[in-house]
C-alpha atoms as a PDB file:
ATOM      1  CA  MET A   1     -12.286 -27.003   6.279  1.00  0.00           C
ATOM      2  CA  SER A   2     -14.137 -27.770   2.905  1.00  0.00           C
ATOM      3  CA  LYS A   3     -12.236 -25.649  -0.164  1.00  0.00           C
ATOM      4  CA  ALA A   4     -16.870 -24.602  -0.347  1.00  0.00           C
ATOM      5  CA  LYS A   5     -16.440 -23.058   2.836  1.00  0.00           C
ATOM      6  CA  LEU A   6     -13.319 -21.123   2.720  1.00  0.00           C
ATOM      7  CA  LEU A   7     -14.249 -20.393  -0.728  1.00  0.00           C
ATOM      8  CA  LEU A   8     -16.764 -18.609   1.084  1.00  0.00           C
ATOM      9  CA  ILE A   9     -15.035 -17.232   3.367  1.00  0.00           C
ATOM     10  CA  ALA A  10     -12.575 -15.083   0.783  1.00  0.00           C
ATOM     11  CA  ALA A  11     -15.427 -13.746  -1.123  1.00  0.00           C
ATOM     12  CA  GLY A  12     -17.689 -12.697   2.465  1.00  0.00           C
ATOM     13  CA  ALA A  13     -14.151 -10.765   2.828  1.00  0.00           C
ATOM     14  CA  PHE A  14     -13.731  -9.434  -0.172  1.00  0.00           C
ATOM     15  CA  ILE A  15     -17.655  -8.154  -0.484  1.00  0.00           C
ATOM     16  CA  ALA A  16     -16.868  -6.592   2.452  1.00  0.00           C
ATOM     17  CA  LEU A  17     -13.946  -4.662   1.457  1.00  0.00           C
ATOM     18  CA  ALA A  18     -15.404  -3.731  -1.808  1.00  0.00           C
ATOM     19  CA  ALA A  19     -18.145  -2.647   0.097  1.00  0.00           C
ATOM     20  CA  VAL A  20     -16.172   0.075   2.523  1.00  0.00           C
ATOM     21  CA  TYR A  21     -14.007   0.821  -0.671  1.00  0.00           C
ATOM     22  CA  PHE A  22     -17.027   1.668  -2.309  1.00  0.00           C
ATOM     23  CA  ALA A  23     -18.356   3.664   0.884  1.00  0.00           C
ATOM     24  CA  VAL A  24     -15.533   5.624   1.150  1.00  0.00           C
ATOM     25  CA  PRO A  25     -16.309   9.278  -0.600  1.00  0.00           C
ATOM     26  CA  GLN A  26     -13.844   9.280  -3.743  1.00  0.00           C
ATOM     27  CA  LYS A  27     -12.644  12.731  -3.583  1.00  0.00           C
ATOM     28  CA  PRO A  28     -11.080  15.702  -6.729  1.00  0.00           C
ATOM     29  CA  GLU A  29      -8.254  15.679  -4.917  1.00  0.00           C
ATOM     30  CA  GLN A  30      -5.519  13.924  -2.608  1.00  0.00           C
ATOM     31  CA  ALA A  31      -6.826  14.451   1.281  1.00  0.00           C
ATOM     32  CA  ALA A  32      -3.511  15.940   3.428  1.00  0.00           C
ATOM     33  CA  ALA A  33      -3.096  13.621   6.048  1.00  0.00           C
ATOM     34  CA  SER A  34      -3.989  14.566   9.497  1.00  0.00           C
ATOM     35  CA  PRO A  35      -1.426  16.175  11.421  1.00  0.00           C
ATOM     36  CA  GLU A  36      -1.757  13.582  14.826  1.00  0.00           C
ATOM     37  CA  ILE A  37      -1.246  10.697  12.640  1.00  0.00           C
ATOM     38  CA  SER A  38       2.897  10.001  13.135  1.00  0.00           C
ATOM     39  CA  ALA A  39       4.735   7.813  10.413  1.00  0.00           C
ATOM     40  CA  GLU A  40       6.596   6.417  13.173  1.00  0.00           C
ATOM     41  CA  PRO A  41       4.984   3.435  13.279  1.00  0.00           C
ATOM     42  CA  VAL A  42       5.744   2.514   9.581  1.00  0.00           C
ATOM     43  CA  PHE A  43       9.916   3.448  10.350  1.00  0.00           C
ATOM     44  CA  ALA A  44       9.388   0.662  13.553  1.00  0.00           C
ATOM     45  CA  ALA A  45       7.675  -2.127  11.522  1.00  0.00           C
ATOM     46  CA  SER A  46       9.132  -4.879   9.621  1.00  0.00           C
ATOM     47  CA  PHE A  47       7.637  -7.602   7.363  1.00  0.00           C
ATOM     48  CA  LYS A  48       8.440 -10.890   5.441  1.00  0.00           C
ATOM     49  CA  ASP A  49       9.358 -10.074   1.726  1.00  0.00           C
ATOM     50  CA  LEU A  50       8.679 -12.567  -1.100  1.00  0.00           C
ATOM     51  CA  ASP A  51      12.189 -14.328  -0.059  1.00  0.00           C
ATOM     52  CA  ASP A  52      11.138 -14.651   3.909  1.00  0.00           C
ATOM     53  CA  LYS A  53      13.695 -12.741   4.388  1.00  0.00           C
ATOM     54  CA  LEU A  54      12.572 -10.369   7.586  1.00  0.00           C
ATOM     55  CA  GLN A  55      12.919  -6.545   6.052  1.00  0.00           C
ATOM     56  CA  PRO A  56      12.688  -3.192   8.612  1.00  0.00           C
ATOM     57  CA  LEU A  57      11.076  -0.419   6.436  1.00  0.00           C
ATOM     58  CA  LYS A  58      13.207   1.830   8.968  1.00  0.00           C
ATOM     59  CA  GLN A  59      16.266   1.982   6.180  1.00  0.00           C
ATOM     60  CA  TRP A  60      14.071   3.737   3.766  1.00  0.00           C
ATOM     61  CA  ARG A  61      13.912   6.907   6.357  1.00  0.00           C
ATOM     62  CA  GLY A  62      15.106   9.792   4.760  1.00  0.00           C
ATOM     63  CA  LYS A  63      13.165   9.485   1.140  1.00  0.00           C
ATOM     64  CA  VAL A  64      10.162   9.840   0.332  1.00  0.00           C
ATOM     65  CA  VAL A  65       8.099   6.508   1.183  1.00  0.00           C
ATOM     66  CA  VAL A  66       5.000   5.671  -1.156  1.00  0.00           C
ATOM     67  CA  LEU A  67       3.311   3.027   1.605  1.00  0.00           C
ATOM     68  CA  ASN A  68       0.899   0.912  -0.305  1.00  0.00           C
ATOM     69  CA  PHE A  69      -1.223  -1.858   1.447  1.00  0.00           C
ATOM     70  CA  TRP A  70      -3.109  -3.712  -0.996  1.00  0.00           C
ATOM     71  CA  ALA A  71      -3.710  -7.367  -2.801  1.00  0.00           C
ATOM     72  CA  PRO A  72      -3.503  -9.206  -5.789  1.00  0.00           C
ATOM     73  CA  TRP A  73      -7.572  -9.976  -5.906  1.00  0.00           C
ATOM     74  CA  CYS A  74      -8.562  -5.513  -5.081  1.00  0.00           C
ATOM     75  CA  PRO A  75      -9.923  -4.435  -8.865  1.00  0.00           C
ATOM     76  CA  PRO A  76      -8.303  -1.398  -7.636  1.00  0.00           C
ATOM     77  CA  CYS A  77      -4.786  -2.088  -6.817  1.00  0.00           C
ATOM     78  CA  ARG A  78      -4.749  -3.891  -9.505  1.00  0.00           C
ATOM     79  CA  GLU A  79      -4.749  -1.118 -12.010  1.00  0.00           C
ATOM     80  CA  GLU A  80      -2.835   1.404  -9.445  1.00  0.00           C
ATOM     81  CA  MET A  81       0.477  -0.938  -9.337  1.00  0.00           C
ATOM     82  CA  PRO A  82       1.595  -0.626 -13.243  1.00  0.00           C
ATOM     83  CA  ASP A  83       1.423   3.368 -12.564  1.00  0.00           C
ATOM     84  CA  PHE A  84       3.912   2.781  -8.955  1.00  0.00           C
ATOM     85  CA  ILE A  85       5.659   0.711 -11.205  1.00  0.00           C
ATOM     86  CA  LYS A  86       6.348   3.847 -14.562  1.00  0.00           C
ATOM     87  CA  LEU A  87       7.172   6.596 -11.122  1.00  0.00           C
ATOM     88  CA  GLN A  88       9.108   4.196  -9.466  1.00  0.00           C
ATOM     89  CA  ASP A  89      11.502   3.368 -12.760  1.00  0.00           C
ATOM     90  CA  LYS A  90      10.979   7.002 -13.422  1.00  0.00           C
ATOM     91  CA  TYR A  91      12.159   8.526  -9.308  1.00  0.00           C
ATOM     92  CA  HIS A  92      13.834   6.316  -8.422  1.00  0.00           C
ATOM     93  CA  GLU A  93      17.762   8.021  -8.557  1.00  0.00           C
ATOM     94  CA  ARG A  94      15.382  11.190  -6.978  1.00  0.00           C
ATOM     95  CA  GLY A  95      15.044   9.703  -3.606  1.00  0.00           C
ATOM     96  CA  LEU A  96      11.615   7.885  -4.074  1.00  0.00           C
ATOM     97  CA  VAL A  97      10.314   4.497  -3.468  1.00  0.00           C
ATOM     98  CA  PHE A  98       7.384   3.093  -3.611  1.00  0.00           C
ATOM     99  CA  ILE A  99       7.446  -0.012  -0.825  1.00  0.00           C
ATOM    100  CA  GLY A 100       4.014  -2.977  -1.040  1.00  0.00           C
ATOM    101  CA  VAL A 101       2.455  -4.448   1.872  1.00  0.00           C
ATOM    102  CA  ALA A 102       0.504  -7.375   0.156  1.00  0.00           C
ATOM    103  CA  LEU A 103      -2.121  -8.785   2.262  1.00  0.00           C
ATOM    104  CA  ASP A 104      -2.334 -12.282   0.611  1.00  0.00           C
ATOM    105  CA  GLU A 105      -0.549 -15.479   0.376  1.00  0.00           C
ATOM    106  CA  LYS A 106       2.857 -15.969  -0.547  1.00  0.00           C
ATOM    107  CA  ILE A 107       2.129 -17.822  -4.066  1.00  0.00           C
ATOM    108  CA  LYS A 108      -0.418 -15.425  -5.443  1.00  0.00           C
ATOM    109  CA  VAL A 109       1.125 -12.477  -4.116  1.00  0.00           C
ATOM    110  CA  GLN A 110       4.886 -13.635  -5.839  1.00  0.00           C
ATOM    111  CA  ALA A 111       1.960 -14.667  -8.858  1.00  0.00           C
ATOM    112  CA  PHE A 112       0.333 -11.440  -9.841  1.00  0.00           C
ATOM    113  CA  ALA A 113       4.217  -9.393  -9.289  1.00  0.00           C
ATOM    114  CA  ASP A 114       5.642 -12.022 -11.503  1.00  0.00           C
ATOM    115  CA  GLU A 115       2.999 -11.137 -14.212  1.00  0.00           C
ATOM    116  CA  ILE A 116       3.393  -7.631 -14.100  1.00  0.00           C
ATOM    117  CA  GLY A 117       6.562  -6.196 -13.579  1.00  0.00           C
ATOM    118  CA  VAL A 118       6.295  -5.126 -10.018  1.00  0.00           C
ATOM    119  CA  ASN A 119      10.256  -3.169  -9.436  1.00  0.00           C
ATOM    120  CA  TYR A 120       9.391  -2.213  -5.582  1.00  0.00           C
ATOM    121  CA  PRO A 121      10.234  -3.553  -2.277  1.00  0.00           C
ATOM    122  CA  ILE A 122       7.475  -6.259  -2.064  1.00  0.00           C
ATOM    123  CA  PHE A 123       5.860  -7.081   2.118  1.00  0.00           C
ATOM    124  CA  LEU A 124       3.811  -9.462   2.876  1.00  0.00           C
ATOM    125  CA  GLY A 125       1.323  -8.347   5.657  1.00  0.00           C
ATOM    126  CA  GLU A 126      -0.835 -10.458   8.080  1.00  0.00           C
ATOM    127  CA  MET A 127      -2.839  -9.034  10.913  1.00  0.00           C
ATOM    128  CA  GLU A 128       0.213  -6.782  12.440  1.00  0.00           C
ATOM    129  CA  ALA A 129      -0.279  -5.339   9.006  1.00  0.00           C
ATOM    130  CA  VAL A 130      -3.245  -4.181   9.451  1.00  0.00           C
ATOM    131  CA  ASP A 131      -2.927  -3.135  12.843  1.00  0.00           C
ATOM    132  CA  LEU A 132      -0.405  -0.574  11.085  1.00  0.00           C
ATOM    133  CA  ALA A 133      -2.494   0.707   8.782  1.00  0.00           C
ATOM    134  CA  LYS A 134      -5.329   1.758  11.326  1.00  0.00           C
ATOM    135  CA  LYS A 135      -2.745   3.396  13.317  1.00  0.00           C
ATOM    136  CA  ILE A 136      -1.620   5.283  10.311  1.00  0.00           C
ATOM    137  CA  GLY A 137      -5.289   6.387   8.956  1.00  0.00           C
ATOM    138  CA  ASN A 138      -7.217   3.864   7.487  1.00  0.00           C
ATOM    139  CA  ARG A 139      -9.715   3.453  10.095  1.00  0.00           C
ATOM    140  CA  LEU A 140     -11.753   1.442   8.022  1.00  0.00           C
ATOM    141  CA  GLY A 141      -9.869  -1.020   6.297  1.00  0.00           C
ATOM    142  CA  GLY A 142     -10.413  -1.154   3.250  1.00  0.00           C
ATOM    143  CA  LEU A 143      -7.923  -1.360  -0.189  1.00  0.00           C
ATOM    144  CA  PRO A 144      -6.022  -0.504  -1.447  1.00  0.00           C
ATOM    145  CA  PHE A 145      -4.182   2.273   1.504  1.00  0.00           C
ATOM    146  CA  THR A 146      -1.361   4.438   0.775  1.00  0.00           C
ATOM    147  CA  VAL A 147       0.448   6.981   2.401  1.00  0.00           C
ATOM    148  CA  VAL A 148       3.270   8.942   1.254  1.00  0.00           C
ATOM    149  CA  ILE A 149       5.882  10.018   3.697  1.00  0.00           C
ATOM    150  CA  ASP A 150       8.718  12.855   2.906  1.00  0.00           C
ATOM    151  CA  ARG A 151      12.070  12.541   3.803  1.00  0.00           C
ATOM    152  CA  ASN A 152      11.814  14.014   7.507  1.00  0.00           C
ATOM    153  CA  GLY A 153       9.300  11.535   8.627  1.00  0.00           C
ATOM    154  CA  ARG A 154       6.353  12.685   8.499  1.00  0.00           C
ATOM    155  CA  ILE A 155       2.687  11.334   6.342  1.00  0.00           C
ATOM    156  CA  VAL A 156       1.640  13.969   4.408  1.00  0.00           C
ATOM    157  CA  ALA A 157      -1.147  12.132   2.267  1.00  0.00           C
ATOM    158  CA  SER A 158      -3.195   9.047   3.246  1.00  0.00           C
ATOM    159  CA  GLU A 159      -5.987   7.590   0.397  1.00  0.00           C
ATOM    160  CA  VAL A 160      -8.275   4.851   0.194  1.00  0.00           C
ATOM    161  CA  GLY A 161      -8.891   3.952  -3.261  1.00  0.00           C
ATOM    162  CA  GLY A 162      -6.400   3.671  -6.093  1.00  0.00           C
ATOM    163  CA  LEU A 163      -4.701   6.283  -7.695  1.00  0.00           C
ATOM    164  CA  THR A 164      -3.887   7.340 -10.672  1.00  0.00           C
ATOM    165  CA  LEU A 165      -0.980   8.737 -12.084  1.00  0.00           C
ATOM    166  CA  ALA A 166      -0.909  12.566 -12.440  1.00  0.00           C
ATOM    167  CA  ARG A 167      -2.578  12.609  -9.048  1.00  0.00           C
ATOM    168  CA  LEU A 168       0.149  10.777  -7.424  1.00  0.00           C
ATOM    169  CA  GLU A 169       2.736  12.524  -9.574  1.00  0.00           C
ATOM    170  CA  LYS A 170       0.494  16.028  -8.139  1.00  0.00           C
ATOM    171  CA  ILE A 171       2.069  14.721  -4.666  1.00  0.00           C
ATOM    172  CA  VAL A 172       5.047  13.592  -4.482  1.00  0.00           C
ATOM    173  CA  LEU A 173       6.606  15.859  -7.562  1.00  0.00           C
ATOM    174  CA  PRO A 174       7.546  18.535  -4.713  1.00  0.00           C
ATOM    175  CA  LEU A 175       8.646  16.090  -1.969  1.00  0.00           C
ATOM    176  CA  LEU A 176      12.202  14.639  -4.061  1.00  0.00           C
END
């Protein structure tokens, strides 16, 4: 496939995802997750890390988990990640762990993660990551998509679209 065709396909995908992002109403407060959505698919999943090692997400069961599906080309993803880094630094000793599942090529993911100094696990997701996101509430497939899982393994909040430091802190602090 020619470079021009690949660029056209990538641009089309970006426009479609941006349309979904802006079509989803932005709420003033974080929405609670639906009680029928279980976090079990999260803890049953495994993804490759940036060293190509398969990592099971069950290793973080019992922690407060902020699971974020993102891509380096996604502007709201790029905006929220520095706040994730700050919160990971501030609260990791209290049992908070951020986990990023990137939907892009390894080289692009690694370059962006290195550029901003990501201090939490980053995994590479493909179709299984898209399927997992849908199972846990991302019915439209928008990015970024974030779920917060409490220590008991329940999804307590989910959000399509970027999160601010203040909103995320308001959600996770009572769980720590």
